[in-house]
PDB file of N, CA and C in Angstrom:
ATOM      1  N   UNK A   1     235.816  96.766  -3.634  1.00  0.00           N
ATOM      2  CA  UNK A   1     236.101  98.271  -2.886  1.00  0.00           C
ATOM      3  C   UNK A   1     237.219  99.344  -3.806  1.00  0.00           C
ATOM      4  N   UNK A   2     236.817 100.371  -4.452  1.00  0.00           N
ATOM      5  CA  UNK A   2     237.701 100.911  -4.829  1.00  0.00           C
ATOM      6  C   UNK A   2     238.182 102.257  -4.326  1.00  0.00           C
ATOM      7  N   UNK A   3     239.387 102.658  -3.831  1.00  0.00           N
ATOM      8  CA  UNK A   3     239.677 104.149  -2.930  1.00  0.00           C
ATOM      9  C   UNK A   3     239.895 104.911  -4.007  1.00  0.00           C
ATOM     10  N   UNK A   4     239.124 106.206  -3.349  1.00  0.00           N
ATOM     11  CA  UNK A   4     239.264 107.452  -4.449  1.00  0.00           C
ATOM     12  C   UNK A   4     240.914 108.252  -3.734  1.00  0.00           C
ATOM     13  N   UNK A   5     241.016 108.266  -5.312  1.00  0.00           N
ATOM     14  CA  UNK A   5     242.536 108.971  -5.308  1.00  0.00           C
ATOM     15  C   UNK A   5     242.449 110.168  -6.333  1.00  0.00           C
ATOM     16  N   UNK A   6     243.623 110.744  -7.073  1.00  0.00           N
ATOM     17  CA  UNK A   6     244.166 111.342  -7.952  1.00  0.00           C
ATOM     18  C   UNK A   6     243.675 110.904  -9.391  1.00  0.00           C
ATOM     19  N   UNK A   7     243.596 109.398  -9.661  1.00  0.00           N
ATOM     20  CA  UNK A   7     242.866 109.395 -11.046  1.00  0.00           C
ATOM     21  C   UNK A   7     241.579 109.505 -11.060  1.00  0.00           C
ATOM     22  N   UNK A   8     240.700 109.451  -9.845  1.00  0.00           N
ATOM     23  CA  UNK A   8     239.224 109.507  -9.655  1.00  0.00           C
ATOM     24  C   UNK A   8     238.863 109.701  -8.199  1.00  0.00           C
ATOM     25  N   UNK A   9     239.006 111.489  -8.128  1.00  0.00           N
ATOM     26  CA  UNK A   9     238.719 111.793  -6.903  1.00  0.00           C
ATOM     27  C   UNK A   9     237.110 112.095  -6.375  1.00  0.00           C
ATOM     28  N   UNK A  10     237.247 112.166  -5.335  1.00  0.00           N
ATOM     29  CA  UNK A  10     235.944 112.293  -4.546  1.00  0.00           C
ATOM     30  C   UNK A  10     235.904 113.519  -3.314  1.00  0.00           C
ATOM     31  N   UNK A  11     235.342 114.305  -3.637  1.00  0.00           N
ATOM     32  CA  UNK A  11     235.267 115.160  -1.754  1.00  0.00           C
ATOM     33  C   UNK A  11     233.979 115.620  -1.996  1.00  0.00           C
ATOM     34  N   UNK A  12     233.646 115.547  -0.593  1.00  0.00           N
ATOM     35  CA  UNK A  12     232.453 115.820   0.077  1.00  0.00           C
ATOM     36  C   UNK A  12     232.560 117.082   1.200  1.00  0.00           C
ATOM     37  N   UNK A  13     231.553 118.098   0.474  1.00  0.00           N
ATOM     38  CA  UNK A  13     231.539 119.678   1.149  1.00  0.00           C
ATOM     39  C   UNK A  13     229.980 119.846   1.887  1.00  0.00           C
ATOM     40  N   UNK A  14     230.352 120.376   3.263  1.00  0.00           N
ATOM     41  CA  UNK A  14     229.281 121.071   3.701  1.00  0.00           C
ATOM     42  C   UNK A  14     228.765 122.194   3.069  1.00  0.00           C
ATOM     43  N   UNK A  15     227.568 122.396   2.913  1.00  0.00           N
ATOM     44  CA  UNK A  15     226.850 123.739   2.498  1.00  0.00           C
ATOM     45  C   UNK A  15     225.752 124.034   2.772  1.00  0.00           C
ATOM     46  N   UNK A  16     226.076 125.692   2.868  1.00  0.00           N
ATOM     47  CA  UNK A  16     224.817 126.304   3.962  1.00  0.00           C
ATOM     48  C   UNK A  16     223.337 126.587   2.838  1.00  0.00           C
ATOM     49  N   UNK A  17     223.964 126.659   1.613  1.00  0.00           N
ATOM     50  CA  UNK A  17     222.889 126.781   0.748  1.00  0.00           C
ATOM     51  C   UNK A  17     221.744 126.292   0.788  1.00  0.00           C
ATOM     52  N   UNK A  18     220.893 127.283   0.555  1.00  0.00           N
ATOM     53  CA  UNK A  18     219.151 126.434   0.778  1.00  0.00           C
ATOM     54  C   UNK A  18     218.922 125.583  -0.749  1.00  0.00           C
ATOM     55  N   UNK A  19     218.857 124.110  -0.337  1.00  0.00           N
ATOM     56  CA  UNK A  19     218.336 123.411  -1.521  1.00  0.00           C
ATOM     57  C   UNK A  19     217.096 123.076  -1.284  1.00  0.00           C
ATOM     58  N   UNK A  20     215.996 123.668  -2.497  1.00  0.00           N
ATOM     59  CA  UNK A  20     214.311 123.152  -2.090  1.00  0.00           C
ATOM     60  C   UNK A  20     214.479 121.883  -3.356  1.00  0.00           C
ATOM     61  N   UNK A  21     213.964 120.854  -2.945  1.00  0.00           N
ATOM     62  CA  UNK A  21     213.234 119.623  -3.988  1.00  0.00           C
ATOM     63  C   UNK A  21     212.079 119.637  -4.515  1.00  0.00           C
ATOM     64  N   UNK A  22     211.439 119.824  -5.354  1.00  0.00           N
ATOM     65  CA  UNK A  22     209.853 119.962  -5.403  1.00  0.00           C
ATOM     66  C   UNK A  22     209.545 119.182  -6.843  1.00  0.00           C
ATOM     67  N   UNK A  23     208.447 118.465  -7.147  1.00  0.00           N
ATOM     68  CA  UNK A  23     207.761 117.867  -7.649  1.00  0.00           C
ATOM     69  C   UNK A  23     206.572 118.506  -8.021  1.00  0.00           C
ATOM     70  N   UNK A  24     206.632 119.273  -9.262  1.00  0.00           N
ATOM     71  CA  UNK A  24     205.651 120.603  -9.496  1.00  0.00           C
ATOM     72  C   UNK A  24     205.557 121.342  -8.247  1.00  0.00           C
ATOM     73  N   UNK A  25     204.675 121.484  -7.559  1.00  0.00           N
ATOM     74  CA  UNK A  25     203.640 122.065  -6.323  1.00  0.00           C
ATOM     75  C   UNK A  25     204.292 121.643  -5.028  1.00  0.00           C
ATOM     76  N   UNK A  26     204.543 120.570  -5.040  1.00  0.00           N
ATOM     77  CA  UNK A  26     205.025 119.470  -3.683  1.00  0.00           C
ATOM     78  C   UNK A  26     206.613 119.889  -3.455  1.00  0.00           C
ATOM     79  N   UNK A  27     206.569 120.673  -2.173  1.00  0.00           N
ATOM     80  CA  UNK A  27     207.687 120.029  -1.356  1.00  0.00           C
ATOM     81  C   UNK A  27     208.370 118.847  -0.850  1.00  0.00           C
ATOM     82  N   UNK A  28     209.411 118.498  -1.410  1.00  0.00           N
ATOM     83  CA  UNK A  28     209.603 117.001  -0.993  1.00  0.00           C
ATOM     84  C   UNK A  28     210.847 117.316  -0.058  1.00  0.00           C
ATOM     85  N   UNK A  29     212.050 118.038  -0.376  1.00  0.00           N
ATOM     86  CA  UNK A  29     212.688 118.368   0.430  1.00  0.00           C
ATOM     87  C   UNK A  29     213.398 119.631   0.554  1.00  0.00           C
ATOM     88  N   UNK A  30     213.868 120.330   1.523  1.00  0.00           N
ATOM     89  CA  UNK A  30     214.044 121.703   2.459  1.00  0.00           C
ATOM     90  C   UNK A  30     215.326 121.676   3.306  1.00  0.00           C
ATOM     91  N   UNK A  31     216.331 122.071   2.731  1.00  0.00           N
ATOM     92  CA  UNK A  31     217.461 121.868   3.547  1.00  0.00           C
ATOM     93  C   UNK A  31     218.864 123.006   3.264  1.00  0.00           C
ATOM     94  N   UNK A  32     218.861 123.832   4.655  1.00  0.00           N
ATOM     95  CA  UNK A  32     220.514 124.506   4.383  1.00  0.00           C
ATOM     96  C   UNK A  32     221.424 123.688   4.798  1.00  0.00           C
ATOM     97  N   UNK A  33     221.385 122.360   4.888  1.00  0.00           N
ATOM     98  CA  UNK A  33     222.428 121.714   5.871  1.00  0.00           C
ATOM     99  C   UNK A  33     222.742 120.265   4.349  1.00  0.00           C
ATOM    100  N   UNK A  34     222.820 120.654   3.281  1.00  0.00           N
ATOM    101  CA  UNK A  34     222.894 119.456   2.306  1.00  0.00           C
ATOM    102  C   UNK A  34     224.805 119.511   2.169  1.00  0.00           C
ATOM    103  N   UNK A  35     224.951 118.170   1.549  1.00  0.00           N
ATOM    104  CA  UNK A  35     226.532 117.968   1.518  1.00  0.00           C
ATOM    105  C   UNK A  35     226.501 117.771   0.006  1.00  0.00           C
ATOM    106  N   UNK A  36     227.686 118.548  -0.949  1.00  0.00           N
ATOM    107  CA  UNK A  36     227.990 118.596  -2.078  1.00  0.00           C
ATOM    108  C   UNK A  36     229.171 117.307  -1.896  1.00  0.00           C
ATOM    109  N   UNK A  37     228.889 116.351  -3.403  1.00  0.00           N
ATOM    110  CA  UNK A  37     229.601 115.207  -3.170  1.00  0.00           C
ATOM    111  C   UNK A  37     229.969 115.621  -5.215  1.00  0.00           C
ATOM    112  N   UNK A  38     231.146 115.353  -5.038  1.00  0.00           N
ATOM    113  CA  UNK A  38     232.352 115.562  -6.512  1.00  0.00           C
ATOM    114  C   UNK A  38     232.733 114.683  -6.758  1.00  0.00           C
ATOM    115  N   UNK A  39     232.114 113.603  -7.748  1.00  0.00           N
ATOM    116  CA  UNK A  39     233.249 112.965  -7.779  1.00  0.00           C
ATOM    117  C   UNK A  39     234.089 112.808  -9.046  1.00  0.00           C
ATOM    118  N   UNK A  40     234.867 112.912  -9.473  1.00  0.00           N
ATOM    119  CA  UNK A  40     235.836 112.796 -10.310  1.00  0.00           C
ATOM    120  C   UNK A  40     235.376 114.058 -11.255  1.00  0.00           C
ATOM    121  N   UNK A  41     235.158 113.698 -12.802  1.00  0.00           N
ATOM    122  CA  UNK A  41     234.170 114.830 -13.917  1.00  0.00           C
ATOM    123  C   UNK A  41     232.927 114.560 -13.911  1.00  0.00           C
ATOM    124  N   UNK A  42     232.036 113.914 -12.846  1.00  0.00           N
ATOM    125  CA  UNK A  42     230.610 113.718 -12.660  1.00  0.00           C
ATOM    126  C   UNK A  42     230.340 115.352 -12.547  1.00  0.00           C
ATOM    127  N   UNK A  43     228.851 115.743 -12.728  1.00  0.00           N
ATOM    128  CA  UNK A  43     228.303 116.510 -11.833  1.00  0.00           C
ATOM    129  C   UNK A  43     228.584 116.363 -10.628  1.00  0.00           C
ATOM    130  N   UNK A  44     228.202 117.712  -9.873  1.00  0.00           N
ATOM    131  CA  UNK A  44     228.093 117.809  -8.562  1.00  0.00           C
ATOM    132  C   UNK A  44     226.488 116.923  -8.253  1.00  0.00           C
ATOM    133  N   UNK A  45     226.804 115.896  -7.116  1.00  0.00           N
ATOM    134  CA  UNK A  45     225.284 115.861  -6.471  1.00  0.00           C
ATOM    135  C   UNK A  45     225.433 116.454  -5.264  1.00  0.00           C
ATOM    136  N   UNK A  46     223.897 116.886  -4.800  1.00  0.00           N
ATOM    137  CA  UNK A  46     223.789 117.420  -3.411  1.00  0.00           C
ATOM    138  C   UNK A  46     223.129 115.914  -2.542  1.00  0.00           C
ATOM    139  N   UNK A  47     223.773 115.543  -1.569  1.00  0.00           N
ATOM    140  CA  UNK A  47     222.643 114.740  -0.202  1.00  0.00           C
ATOM    141  C   UNK A  47     222.358 115.754   0.627  1.00  0.00           C
ATOM    142  N   UNK A  48     221.280 115.405   0.595  1.00  0.00           N
ATOM    143  CA  UNK A  48     220.182 116.287   1.663  1.00  0.00           C
ATOM    144  C   UNK A  48     219.825 115.478   2.661  1.00  0.00           C
ATOM    145  N   UNK A  49     220.349 115.656   4.834  1.00  0.00           N
ATOM    146  CA  UNK A  49     219.771 114.809   5.357  1.00  0.00           C
ATOM    147  C   UNK A  49     218.067 114.499   5.387  1.00  0.00           C
ATOM    148  N   UNK A  50     217.756 113.008   5.589  1.00  0.00           N
ATOM    149  CA  UNK A  50     217.118 112.856   5.658  1.00  0.00           C
ATOM    150  C   UNK A  50     215.838 113.606   6.733  1.00  0.00           C
ATOM    151  N   UNK A  51     216.490 114.011   7.639  1.00  0.00           N
ATOM    152  CA  UNK A  51     215.460 114.561   8.410  1.00  0.00           C
ATOM    153  C   UNK A  51     214.810 115.850   7.843  1.00  0.00           C
ATOM    154  N   UNK A  52     215.474 116.459   6.590  1.00  0.00           N
ATOM    155  CA  UNK A  52     214.688 117.486   6.152  1.00  0.00           C
ATOM    156  C   UNK A  52     214.293 117.262   4.704  1.00  0.00           C
ATOM    157  N   UNK A  53     213.860 115.754   4.704  1.00  0.00           N
ATOM    158  CA  UNK A  53     212.907 115.155   3.410  1.00  0.00           C
ATOM    159  C   UNK A  53     211.551 114.856   3.964  1.00  0.00           C
ATOM    160  N   UNK A  54     210.669 114.821   3.445  1.00  0.00           N
ATOM    161  CA  UNK A  54     209.180 114.645   3.881  1.00  0.00           C
ATOM    162  C   UNK A  54     209.198 113.406   3.504  1.00  0.00           C
ATOM    163  N   UNK A  55     209.537 112.399   4.594  1.00  0.00           N
ATOM    164  CA  UNK A  55     209.369 111.201   4.068  1.00  0.00           C
ATOM    165  C   UNK A  55     207.987 110.190   3.902  1.00  0.00           C
ATOM    166  N   UNK A  56     207.066 111.212   4.316  1.00  0.00           N
ATOM    167  CA  UNK A  56     205.830 110.423   4.155  1.00  0.00           C
ATOM    168  C   UNK A  56     205.152 111.073   2.304  1.00  0.00           C
ATOM    169  N   UNK A  57     206.192 110.968   1.289  1.00  0.00           N
ATOM    170  CA  UNK A  57     206.107 110.995   0.167  1.00  0.00           C
ATOM    171  C   UNK A  57     206.768 110.169  -0.553  1.00  0.00           C
ATOM    172  N   UNK A  58     207.877 109.868   0.308  1.00  0.00           N
ATOM    173  CA  UNK A  58     208.856 108.216  -0.276  1.00  0.00           C
ATOM    174  C   UNK A  58     208.130 107.142   0.101  1.00  0.00           C
ATOM    175  N   UNK A  59     208.185 106.037  -0.933  1.00  0.00           N
ATOM    176  CA  UNK A  59     208.215 104.705  -0.385  1.00  0.00           C
ATOM    177  C   UNK A  59     209.552 103.896  -0.938  1.00  0.00           C
ATOM    178  N   UNK A  60     210.312 102.838   0.145  1.00  0.00           N
ATOM    179  CA  UNK A  60     211.391 102.370  -0.369  1.00  0.00           C
ATOM    180  C   UNK A  60     210.977 101.157  -1.310  1.00  0.00           C
ATOM    181  N   UNK A  61     212.166 100.765  -2.381  1.00  0.00           N
ATOM    182  CA  UNK A  61     211.699 100.090  -3.306  1.00  0.00           C
ATOM    183  C   UNK A  61     212.718  98.780  -3.171  1.00  0.00           C
ATOM    184  N   UNK A  62     212.760  97.897  -3.710  1.00  0.00           N
ATOM    185  CA  UNK A  62     213.204  96.778  -3.799  1.00  0.00           C
ATOM    186  C   UNK A  62     215.037  96.713  -4.642  1.00  0.00           C
ATOM    187  N   UNK A  63     214.770  98.441  -5.266  1.00  0.00           N
ATOM    188  CA  UNK A  63     216.020  98.226  -6.250  1.00  0.00           C
ATOM    189  C   UNK A  63     216.922  98.603  -5.070  1.00  0.00           C
ATOM    190  N   UNK A  64     218.384  98.452  -5.578  1.00  0.00           N
ATOM    191  CA  UNK A  64     219.812  98.348  -5.189  1.00  0.00           C
ATOM    192  C   UNK A  64     220.648  98.646  -6.289  1.00  0.00           C
ATOM    193  N   UNK A  65     221.847  99.164  -6.142  1.00  0.00           N
ATOM    194  CA  UNK A  65     222.854  99.358  -6.931  1.00  0.00           C
ATOM    195  C   UNK A  65     224.109  99.550  -6.438  1.00  0.00           C
ATOM    196  N   UNK A  66     224.902  99.058  -7.020  1.00  0.00           N
ATOM    197  CA  UNK A  66     226.602  99.020  -6.233  1.00  0.00           C
ATOM    198  C   UNK A  66     227.568 100.223  -6.795  1.00  0.00           C
ATOM    199  N   UNK A  67     227.974 101.079  -6.549  1.00  0.00           N
ATOM    200  CA  UNK A  67     229.125 101.366  -6.774  1.00  0.00           C
ATOM    201  C   UNK A  67     230.195 100.984  -6.062  1.00  0.00           C
ATOM    202  N   UNK A  68     231.660 100.817  -6.891  1.00  0.00           N
ATOM    203  CA  UNK A  68     232.752 100.588  -6.329  1.00  0.00           C
ATOM    204  C   UNK A  68     233.476 101.494  -5.169  1.00  0.00           C
ATOM    205  N   UNK A  69     232.741 102.707  -5.264  1.00  0.00           N
ATOM    206  CA  UNK A  69     233.867 103.815  -4.647  1.00  0.00           C
ATOM    207  C   UNK A  69     233.143 104.567  -3.278  1.00  0.00           C
ATOM    208  N   UNK A  70     231.817 103.925  -3.441  1.00  0.00           N
ATOM    209  CA  UNK A  70     230.646 104.729  -2.719  1.00  0.00           C
ATOM    210  C   UNK A  70     229.628 103.354  -1.775  1.00  0.00           C
ATOM    211  N   UNK A  71     229.497 102.044  -2.507  1.00  0.00           N
ATOM    212  CA  UNK A  71     229.016 101.269  -1.647  1.00  0.00           C
ATOM    213  C   UNK A  71     227.501 100.922  -2.431  1.00  0.00           C
ATOM    214  N   UNK A  72     226.544 100.091  -1.400  1.00  0.00           N
ATOM    215  CA  UNK A  72     225.476  99.928  -1.979  1.00  0.00           C
ATOM    216  C   UNK A  72     224.271 100.940  -1.710  1.00  0.00           C
ATOM    217  N   UNK A  73     223.611 101.350  -2.565  1.00  0.00           N
ATOM    218  CA  UNK A  73     222.728 102.065  -2.293  1.00  0.00           C
ATOM    219  C   UNK A  73     221.131 101.649  -2.355  1.00  0.00           C
ATOM    220  N   UNK A  74     220.075 101.920  -1.699  1.00  0.00           N
ATOM    221  CA  UNK A  74     218.875 101.688  -1.409  1.00  0.00           C
ATOM    222  C   UNK A  74     218.016 102.893  -2.419  1.00  0.00           C
ATOM    223  N   UNK A  75     216.998 102.399  -3.089  1.00  0.00           N
ATOM    224  CA  UNK A  75     216.409 103.392  -3.368  1.00  0.00           C
ATOM    225  C   UNK A  75     214.938 103.819  -2.854  1.00  0.00           C
ATOM    226  N   UNK A  76     214.250 104.791  -3.296  1.00  0.00           N
ATOM    227  CA  UNK A  76     213.095 105.334  -2.811  1.00  0.00           C
ATOM    228  C   UNK A  76     211.936 105.619  -3.980  1.00  0.00           C
ATOM    229  N   UNK A  77     210.393 105.704  -4.133  1.00  0.00           N
ATOM    230  CA  UNK A  77     209.968 106.179  -5.071  1.00  0.00           C
ATOM    231  C   UNK A  77     209.414 107.300  -4.370  1.00  0.00           C
ATOM    232  N   UNK A  78     208.848 108.529  -4.986  1.00  0.00           N
ATOM    233  CA  UNK A  78     208.502 109.593  -4.829  1.00  0.00           C
ATOM    234  C   UNK A  78     206.550 109.203  -5.034  1.00  0.00           C
ATOM    235  N   UNK A  79     206.143 109.163  -3.867  1.00  0.00           N
ATOM    236  CA  UNK A  79     204.664 108.931  -4.066  1.00  0.00           C
ATOM    237  C   UNK A  79     203.857 110.079  -4.512  1.00  0.00           C
ATOM    238  N   UNK A  80     202.396 109.854  -4.759  1.00  0.00           N
ATOM    239  CA  UNK A  80     201.534 110.352  -5.236  1.00  0.00           C
ATOM    240  C   UNK A  80     201.654 110.798  -7.009  1.00  0.00           C
ATOM    241  N   UNK A  81     200.973 111.917  -7.572  1.00  0.00           N
ATOM    242  CA  UNK A  81     200.854 111.962  -8.991  1.00  0.00           C
ATOM    243  C   UNK A  81     202.083 113.330  -9.036  1.00  0.00           C
ATOM    244  N   UNK A  82     202.730 112.939 -10.207  1.00  0.00           N
ATOM    245  CA  UNK A  82     203.225 111.817 -10.934  1.00  0.00           C
ATOM    246  C   UNK A  82     203.957 110.589 -10.076  1.00  0.00           C
ATOM    247  N   UNK A  83     203.812 109.392 -10.079  1.00  0.00           N
ATOM    248  CA  UNK A  83     204.617 108.855  -9.107  1.00  0.00           C
ATOM    249  C   UNK A  83     206.026 108.455  -9.626  1.00  0.00           C
ATOM    250  N   UNK A  84     207.293 108.924  -9.079  1.00  0.00           N
ATOM    251  CA  UNK A  84     208.700 108.550  -9.502  1.00  0.00           C
ATOM    252  C   UNK A  84     209.366 107.600  -8.924  1.00  0.00           C
ATOM    253  N   UNK A  85     209.318 106.535  -9.535  1.00  0.00           N
ATOM    254  CA  UNK A  85     209.902 105.465  -9.311  1.00  0.00           C
ATOM    255  C   UNK A  85     211.395 105.311  -9.230  1.00  0.00           C
ATOM    256  N   UNK A  86     211.691 105.073  -8.108  1.00  0.00           N
ATOM    257  CA  UNK A  86     212.888 105.286  -7.822  1.00  0.00           C
ATOM    258  C   UNK A  86     214.162 106.350  -8.356  1.00  0.00           C
ATOM    259  N   UNK A  87     213.364 106.958  -7.858  1.00  0.00           N
ATOM    260  CA  UNK A  87     214.025 108.735  -8.137  1.00  0.00           C
ATOM    261  C   UNK A  87     214.578 109.409  -7.149  1.00  0.00           C
ATOM    262  N   UNK A  88     215.045 108.718  -6.032  1.00  0.00           N
ATOM    263  CA  UNK A  88     216.081 109.132  -4.898  1.00  0.00           C
ATOM    264  C   UNK A  88     216.609 107.964  -4.401  1.00  0.00           C
ATOM    265  N   UNK A  89     217.927 108.103  -4.197  1.00  0.00           N
ATOM    266  CA  UNK A  89     218.869 107.227  -3.892  1.00  0.00           C
ATOM    267  C   UNK A  89     219.463 107.516  -2.419  1.00  0.00           C
ATOM    268  N   UNK A  90     219.864 106.571  -1.432  1.00  0.00           N
ATOM    269  CA  UNK A  90     220.996 106.659  -0.020  1.00  0.00           C
ATOM    270  C   UNK A  90     221.930 105.311  -0.110  1.00  0.00           C
ATOM    271  N   UNK A  91     223.022 105.877   0.078  1.00  0.00           N
ATOM    272  CA  UNK A  91     223.632 104.624   0.617  1.00  0.00           C
ATOM    273  C   UNK A  91     223.804 104.960   2.034  1.00  0.00           C
ATOM    274  N   UNK A  92     223.286 103.682   2.656  1.00  0.00           N
ATOM    275  CA  UNK A  92     222.989 103.958   4.324  1.00  0.00           C
ATOM    276  C   UNK A  92     224.261 103.055   5.029  1.00  0.00           C
ATOM    277  N   UNK A  93     225.303 102.609   4.220  1.00  0.00           N
ATOM    278  CA  UNK A  93     226.865 102.087   5.031  1.00  0.00           C
ATOM    279  C   UNK A  93     227.610 102.419   4.017  1.00  0.00           C
ATOM    280  N   UNK A  94     228.089 104.109   3.846  1.00  0.00           N
ATOM    281  CA  UNK A  94     228.603 103.859   2.388  1.00  0.00           C
ATOM    282  C   UNK A  94     230.347 103.811   3.072  1.00  0.00           C
ATOM    283  N   UNK A  95     230.723 103.498   2.082  1.00  0.00           N
ATOM    284  CA  UNK A  95     232.181 103.250   2.249  1.00  0.00           C
ATOM    285  C   UNK A  95     233.223 104.614   3.053  1.00  0.00           C
ATOM    286  N   UNK A  96     234.103 104.240   3.818  1.00  0.00           N
ATOM    287  CA  UNK A  96     234.731 104.784   4.781  1.00  0.00           C
ATOM    288  C   UNK A  96     235.165 106.445   3.712  1.00  0.00           C
ATOM    289  N   UNK A  97     235.682 106.906   2.860  1.00  0.00           N
ATOM    290  CA  UNK A  97     235.912 107.911   1.792  1.00  0.00           C
ATOM    291  C   UNK A  97     234.471 108.839   1.834  1.00  0.00           C
ATOM    292  N   UNK A  98     233.485 108.254   1.900  1.00  0.00           N
ATOM    293  CA  UNK A  98     232.129 109.076   1.753  1.00  0.00           C
ATOM    294  C   UNK A  98     231.485 109.071   2.863  1.00  0.00           C
ATOM    295  N   UNK A  99     231.832 108.535   3.949  1.00  0.00           N
ATOM    296  CA  UNK A  99     230.671 108.077   4.984  1.00  0.00           C
ATOM    297  C   UNK A  99     229.809 109.491   5.471  1.00  0.00           C
ATOM    298  N   UNK A 100     230.758 110.707   5.198  1.00  0.00           N
ATOM    299  CA  UNK A 100     229.651 112.074   5.338  1.00  0.00           C
ATOM    300  C   UNK A 100     228.536 112.048   4.829  1.00  0.00           C
ATOM    301  N   UNK A 101     228.144 110.990   3.749  1.00  0.00           N
ATOM    302  CA  UNK A 101     226.879 111.111   3.107  1.00  0.00           C
ATOM    303  C   UNK A 101     225.821 109.930   3.855  1.00  0.00           C
ATOM    304  N   UNK A 102     226.224 109.373   4.901  1.00  0.00           N
ATOM    305  CA  UNK A 102     225.171 108.386   5.207  1.00  0.00           C
ATOM    306  C   UNK A 102     224.582 109.477   5.679  1.00  0.00           C
ATOM    307  N   UNK A 103     222.833 108.500   6.085  1.00  0.00           N
ATOM    308  CA  UNK A 103     222.143 109.718   6.598  1.00  0.00           C
ATOM    309  C   UNK A 103     221.343 110.463   5.809  1.00  0.00           C
ATOM    310  N   UNK A 104     221.918 110.903   4.087  1.00  0.00           N
ATOM    311  CA  UNK A 104     221.560 111.645   3.374  1.00  0.00           C
ATOM    312  C   UNK A 104     221.013 111.141   2.253  1.00  0.00           C
ATOM    313  N   UNK A 105     220.318 111.773   1.424  1.00  0.00           N
ATOM    314  CA  UNK A 105     219.391 111.258   0.347  1.00  0.00           C
ATOM    315  C   UNK A 105     219.966 111.706  -0.935  1.00  0.00           C
ATOM    316  N   UNK A 106     219.960 111.325  -2.160  1.00  0.00           N
ATOM    317  CA  UNK A 106     219.898 112.295  -3.195  1.00  0.00           C
ATOM    318  C   UNK A 106     219.018 111.996  -4.348  1.00  0.00           C
ATOM    319  N   UNK A 107     218.275 113.122  -5.186  1.00  0.00           N
ATOM    320  CA  UNK A 107     217.346 112.913  -6.496  1.00  0.00           C
ATOM    321  C   UNK A 107     217.760 113.024  -7.526  1.00  0.00           C
ATOM    322  N   UNK A 108     217.204 112.425  -8.285  1.00  0.00           N
ATOM    323  CA  UNK A 108     217.949 112.626  -9.899  1.00  0.00           C
ATOM    324  C   UNK A 108     216.949 113.767 -10.391  1.00  0.00           C
ATOM    325  N   UNK A 109     218.088 114.859 -10.396  1.00  0.00           N
ATOM    326  CA  UNK A 109     217.752 115.886 -11.248  1.00  0.00           C
ATOM    327  C   UNK A 109     217.171 116.064 -12.413  1.00  0.00           C
ATOM    328  N   UNK A 110     216.695 114.950 -13.186  1.00  0.00           N
ATOM    329  CA  UNK A 110     216.122 115.165 -13.997  1.00  0.00           C
ATOM    330  C   UNK A 110     214.395 114.405 -14.103  1.00  0.00           C
ATOM    331  N   UNK A 111     214.444 113.952 -12.532  1.00  0.00           N
ATOM    332  CA  UNK A 111     213.090 113.634 -12.317  1.00  0.00           C
ATOM    333  C   UNK A 111     212.451 115.014 -11.428  1.00  0.00           C
ATOM    334  N   UNK A 112     213.109 115.841 -10.542  1.00  0.00           N
ATOM    335  CA  UNK A 112     212.795 116.788  -9.797  1.00  0.00           C
ATOM    336  C   UNK A 112     213.423 118.123 -10.001  1.00  0.00           C
ATOM    337  N   UNK A 113     212.816 119.135  -9.352  1.00  0.00           N
ATOM    338  CA  UNK A 113     212.913 120.362  -9.845  1.00  0.00           C
ATOM    339  C   UNK A 113     214.253 120.234  -8.261  1.00  0.00           C
ATOM    340  N   UNK A 114     215.305 120.802  -8.351  1.00  0.00           N
ATOM    341  CA  UNK A 114     216.495 120.774  -7.183  1.00  0.00           C
ATOM    342  C   UNK A 114     216.369 122.520  -7.566  1.00  0.00           C
ATOM    343  N   UNK A 115     216.115 123.769  -6.630  1.00  0.00           N
ATOM    344  CA  UNK A 115     216.877 124.937  -6.843  1.00  0.00           C
ATOM    345  C   UNK A 115     217.586 124.859  -5.527  1.00  0.00           C
ATOM    346  N   UNK A 116     218.638 125.670  -6.019  1.00  0.00           N
ATOM    347  CA  UNK A 116     219.751 126.217  -5.031  1.00  0.00           C
ATOM    348  C   UNK A 116     219.816 127.559  -5.040  1.00  0.00           C
ATOM    349  N   UNK A 117     219.843 128.347  -3.557  1.00  0.00           N
ATOM    350  CA  UNK A 117     219.935 129.527  -3.227  1.00  0.00           C
ATOM    351  C   UNK A 117     220.934 129.772  -2.130  1.00  0.00           C
TER     352      UNK A 117
END
């Protein structure tokens, strides 16, 4: 486990912007309670509460990855046409420094449309 610091800062900031995630015309998520995770120089990532995600359009996969700063991530496929394998990730038990993202998911922006208003 690595701790964020000056050489690798991570911030998690609540946002009231409306965030809508779509695949084509299908709405997968719609929230005004996202979290913005900014990690070092990487692009900011919106984490959306699971309660604001249409989980009927998700299927858990066996895929997992590890981030030394955030912990172990699990993945979901977005079902339907097209099916988007491992397009959603979640840190169910994130490390203390990013504990706020527990219960939230993020989407790969190159696979879905993420509109922020």
